[in-house]
Structures are given as structure tokens and as C-alpha cells.
Amino acid sequence: MAQAAQPNVFDANNSQIQVEHDKKRRQFVIRLNGSHDRAVLLYEYVGKKTVDLQHTEVPDAYRGRGIAKHLAKAAMDFVVEEDLKAHLTCWYIQKYVKENPQPQYFEHIYQ
């Protein structure tokens, strides 16, 4: 996996959250606690221009800190930037879109 110029780390000292997009593995990743733990959002292409945002997972010790929100935003921004359509299989992504009603998101979601 190619490394970005800055490491993608969640650091409890400064609460820095950066999302890495691993296109080869079709996932968005946030490295937690020096990269020993990871939060991930998994997706699959289900057509040439259609993705299924399938699953978001944050380790128990990191839940409730807004980490999944960063994954969801990165995934939805990717869908918009790449002009894709998205199936929202993941309940958390459905919740994120409902709580963050951006017109550009709705244009890219299969209803």
C-alpha cells in the first residue's frame, strides 16, 4: 500500500484524523494508535460506475469519537468526485447521509 506524505493516524494527544483511500483493496482506512488498530469502510464496484458502500467498522475502544463519520464523509466525497452512483448497504452510511443532507450526495445515491 502506498504511503501518503503524512501518516494517517488517530492520535489521542491531538485528535488528528486522516483518511486513507486504498483503491486496490476498495476501502477507506483510518490508522489508530500508531497504526496497530484500524477503522475501515469497505466498498465494492457493482457496475462500471456504481459502488456499494457495504460496511463500516471501528474498534470498540475507539467508538463514539466521530471516527466513522470521517470514513463516511470520505466515501461519499469519493462517490461525488468520481461521479459514481452508490448503494448504501451500510447502516452507518445511511445514517450519515440522513444527518448530513448534502444535495450532491443525494444526486449520487440509488433510492
C-alpha atoms as a PDB file:
ATOM      1  CA  MET A   1       0.000   0.000   0.000  1.00  0.00           C
ATOM      2  CA  ALA A   2       1.433   3.380  -0.949  1.00  0.00           C
ATOM      3  CA  GLN A   3       2.039   5.708   1.949  1.00  0.00           C
ATOM      4  CA  ALA A   4       0.922   9.302   1.856  1.00  0.00           C
ATOM      5  CA  ALA A   5       3.332  12.117   2.669  1.00  0.00           C
ATOM      6  CA  GLN A   6       1.817  12.356   6.141  1.00  0.00           C
ATOM      7  CA  PRO A   7       0.917   9.237   8.099  1.00  0.00           C
ATOM      8  CA  ASN A   8      -2.783   8.565   8.543  1.00  0.00           C
ATOM      9  CA  VAL A   9      -3.049   8.446  12.292  1.00  0.00           C
ATOM     10  CA  PHE A  10      -5.551   8.983  15.054  1.00  0.00           C
ATOM     11  CA  ASP A  11      -3.516  10.382  17.914  1.00  0.00           C
ATOM     12  CA  ALA A  12      -5.264  10.846  21.254  1.00  0.00           C
ATOM     13  CA  ASN A  13      -2.964  13.772  22.022  1.00  0.00           C
ATOM     14  CA  ASN A  14      -4.043  15.968  19.127  1.00  0.00           C
ATOM     15  CA  SER A  15      -7.100  14.060  17.809  1.00  0.00           C
ATOM     16  CA  GLN A  16      -5.786  14.202  14.250  1.00  0.00           C
ATOM     17  CA  ILE A  17      -7.883  12.048  11.940  1.00  0.00           C
ATOM     18  CA  GLN A  18      -6.817  11.397   8.366  1.00  0.00           C
ATOM     19  CA  VAL A  19      -8.493   9.004   5.979  1.00  0.00           C
ATOM     20  CA  GLU A  20      -6.500   6.927   3.511  1.00  0.00           C
ATOM     21  CA  HIS A  21      -8.220   5.587   0.391  1.00  0.00           C
ATOM     22  CA  ASP A  22      -6.846   2.194  -0.630  1.00  0.00           C
ATOM     23  CA  LYS A  23      -8.360   1.849  -4.103  1.00  0.00           C
ATOM     24  CA  LYS A  24      -6.760  -1.531  -4.713  1.00  0.00           C
ATOM     25  CA  ARG A  25      -8.422  -3.048  -1.631  1.00  0.00           C
ATOM     26  CA  ARG A  26     -11.545  -0.900  -2.074  1.00  0.00           C
ATOM     27  CA  GLN A  27     -11.519   0.550   1.383  1.00  0.00           C
ATOM     28  CA  PHE A  28     -11.129   3.750   3.323  1.00  0.00           C
ATOM     29  CA  VAL A  29      -8.859   3.421   6.351  1.00  0.00           C
ATOM     30  CA  ILE A  30      -8.028   5.438   9.440  1.00  0.00           C
ATOM     31  CA  ARG A  31      -4.967   4.196  11.280  1.00  0.00           C
ATOM     32  CA  LEU A  32      -5.499   4.338  15.013  1.00  0.00           C
ATOM     33  CA  ASN A  33      -2.933   4.382  17.805  1.00  0.00           C
ATOM     34  CA  GLY A  34       0.190   4.321  15.655  1.00  0.00           C
ATOM     35  CA  SER A  35      -1.391   2.030  13.017  1.00  0.00           C
ATOM     36  CA  HIS A  36      -1.830  -1.011  15.285  1.00  0.00           C
ATOM     37  CA  ASP A  37      -5.610  -0.624  15.052  1.00  0.00           C
ATOM     38  CA  ARG A  38      -7.632   0.451  12.048  1.00  0.00           C
ATOM     39  CA  ALA A  39     -11.099   1.748  11.318  1.00  0.00           C
ATOM     40  CA  VAL A  40     -12.323   0.800   7.851  1.00  0.00           C
ATOM     41  CA  LEU A  41     -15.125   1.398   5.402  1.00  0.00           C
ATOM     42  CA  LEU A  42     -15.416  -1.296   2.739  1.00  0.00           C
ATOM     43  CA  TYR A  43     -16.961  -0.910  -0.706  1.00  0.00           C
ATOM     44  CA  GLU A  44     -17.278  -2.885  -3.925  1.00  0.00           C
ATOM     45  CA  TYR A  45     -17.938  -1.918  -7.502  1.00  0.00           C
ATOM     46  CA  VAL A  46     -21.246  -3.456  -8.581  1.00  0.00           C
ATOM     47  CA  GLY A  47     -21.191  -1.855 -12.030  1.00  0.00           C
ATOM     48  CA  LYS A  48     -18.910   0.290 -14.120  1.00  0.00           C
ATOM     49  CA  LYS A  49     -19.990   3.499 -12.367  1.00  0.00           C
ATOM     50  CA  THR A  50     -21.751   2.066  -9.303  1.00  0.00           C
ATOM     51  CA  VAL A  51     -20.368   1.257  -5.871  1.00  0.00           C
ATOM     52  CA  ASP A  52     -21.910  -0.466  -2.893  1.00  0.00           C
ATOM     53  CA  LEU A  53     -20.798   1.119   0.390  1.00  0.00           C
ATOM     54  CA  GLN A  54     -21.003  -2.086   2.364  1.00  0.00           C
ATOM     55  CA  HIS A  55     -19.588  -1.904   5.851  1.00  0.00           C
ATOM     56  CA  THR A  56     -18.011   0.456   8.358  1.00  0.00           C
ATOM     57  CA  GLU A  57     -16.064  -0.878  11.306  1.00  0.00           C
ATOM     58  CA  VAL A  58     -14.441   0.976  14.198  1.00  0.00           C
ATOM     59  CA  PRO A  59     -12.757  -0.983  17.007  1.00  0.00           C
ATOM     60  CA  ASP A  60     -14.755  -0.918  20.247  1.00  0.00           C
ATOM     61  CA  ALA A  61     -12.124   1.126  22.088  1.00  0.00           C
ATOM     62  CA  TYR A  62     -12.480   3.974  19.552  1.00  0.00           C
ATOM     63  CA  ARG A  63     -16.254   4.114  19.130  1.00  0.00           C
ATOM     64  CA  GLY A  64     -18.135   7.276  19.971  1.00  0.00           C
ATOM     65  CA  ARG A  65     -15.312   9.584  18.875  1.00  0.00           C
ATOM     66  CA  GLY A  66     -16.630  10.511  15.422  1.00  0.00           C
ATOM     67  CA  ILE A  67     -14.191   8.285  13.561  1.00  0.00           C
ATOM     68  CA  ALA A  68     -16.824   6.554  11.416  1.00  0.00           C
ATOM     69  CA  LYS A  69     -18.105   9.985  10.379  1.00  0.00           C
ATOM     70  CA  HIS A  70     -14.739  10.739   8.768  1.00  0.00           C
ATOM     71  CA  LEU A  71     -14.855   7.448   6.864  1.00  0.00           C
ATOM     72  CA  ALA A  72     -18.404   8.110   5.687  1.00  0.00           C
ATOM     73  CA  LYS A  73     -17.559  11.632   4.520  1.00  0.00           C
ATOM     74  CA  ALA A  74     -14.500  10.394   2.612  1.00  0.00           C
ATOM     75  CA  ALA A  75     -16.549   7.666   0.922  1.00  0.00           C
ATOM     76  CA  MET A  76     -19.378   9.993  -0.069  1.00  0.00           C
ATOM     77  CA  ASP A  77     -16.928  12.637  -1.303  1.00  0.00           C
ATOM     78  CA  PHE A  78     -15.249   9.928  -3.422  1.00  0.00           C
ATOM     79  CA  VAL A  79     -18.619   8.952  -4.922  1.00  0.00           C
ATOM     80  CA  VAL A  80     -19.313  12.585  -5.824  1.00  0.00           C
ATOM     81  CA  GLU A  81     -15.805  13.342  -7.142  1.00  0.00           C
ATOM     82  CA  GLU A  82     -15.764  10.226  -9.343  1.00  0.00           C
ATOM     83  CA  ASP A  83     -19.367  10.841 -10.486  1.00  0.00           C
ATOM     84  CA  LEU A  84     -20.458   7.403  -9.309  1.00  0.00           C
ATOM     85  CA  LYS A  85     -23.779   6.071  -8.081  1.00  0.00           C
ATOM     86  CA  ALA A  86     -23.858   4.477  -4.640  1.00  0.00           C
ATOM     87  CA  HIS A  87     -25.887   1.784  -2.963  1.00  0.00           C
ATOM     88  CA  LEU A  88     -25.855   2.406   0.785  1.00  0.00           C
ATOM     89  CA  THR A  89     -25.839  -1.093   2.244  1.00  0.00           C
ATOM     90  CA  CYS A  90     -24.051   0.049   5.404  1.00  0.00           C
ATOM     91  CA  TRP A  91     -26.486   1.330   8.034  1.00  0.00           C
ATOM     92  CA  TYR A  92     -23.943   3.864   9.276  1.00  0.00           C
ATOM     93  CA  ILE A  93     -23.546   5.464   5.826  1.00  0.00           C
ATOM     94  CA  GLN A  94     -27.345   5.688   5.597  1.00  0.00           C
ATOM     95  CA  LYS A  95     -27.362   7.445   8.981  1.00  0.00           C
ATOM     96  CA  TYR A  96     -24.500   9.766   7.969  1.00  0.00           C
ATOM     97  CA  VAL A  97     -26.263  10.881   4.771  1.00  0.00           C
ATOM     98  CA  LYS A  98     -29.518  11.452   6.660  1.00  0.00           C
ATOM     99  CA  GLU A  99     -27.729  13.552   9.299  1.00  0.00           C
ATOM    100  CA  ASN A 100     -25.625  15.430   6.708  1.00  0.00           C
ATOM    101  CA  PRO A 101     -28.119  16.151   3.907  1.00  0.00           C
ATOM    102  CA  GLN A 102     -25.860  17.397   1.129  1.00  0.00           C
ATOM    103  CA  PRO A 103     -27.580  17.827  -2.265  1.00  0.00           C
ATOM    104  CA  GLN A 104     -24.503  16.476  -4.047  1.00  0.00           C
ATOM    105  CA  TYR A 105     -24.793  13.256  -2.024  1.00  0.00           C
ATOM    106  CA  PHE A 106     -28.459  12.685  -2.850  1.00  0.00           C
ATOM    107  CA  GLU A 107     -27.755  13.051  -6.571  1.00  0.00           C
ATOM    108  CA  HIS A 108     -25.403  10.067  -6.364  1.00  0.00           C
ATOM    109  CA  ILE A 109     -27.455   7.656  -4.259  1.00  0.00           C
ATOM    110  CA  TYR A 110     -29.687   4.923  -5.606  1.00  0.00           C
ATOM    111  CA  GLN A 111     -33.019   5.371  -3.862  1.00  0.00           C
END
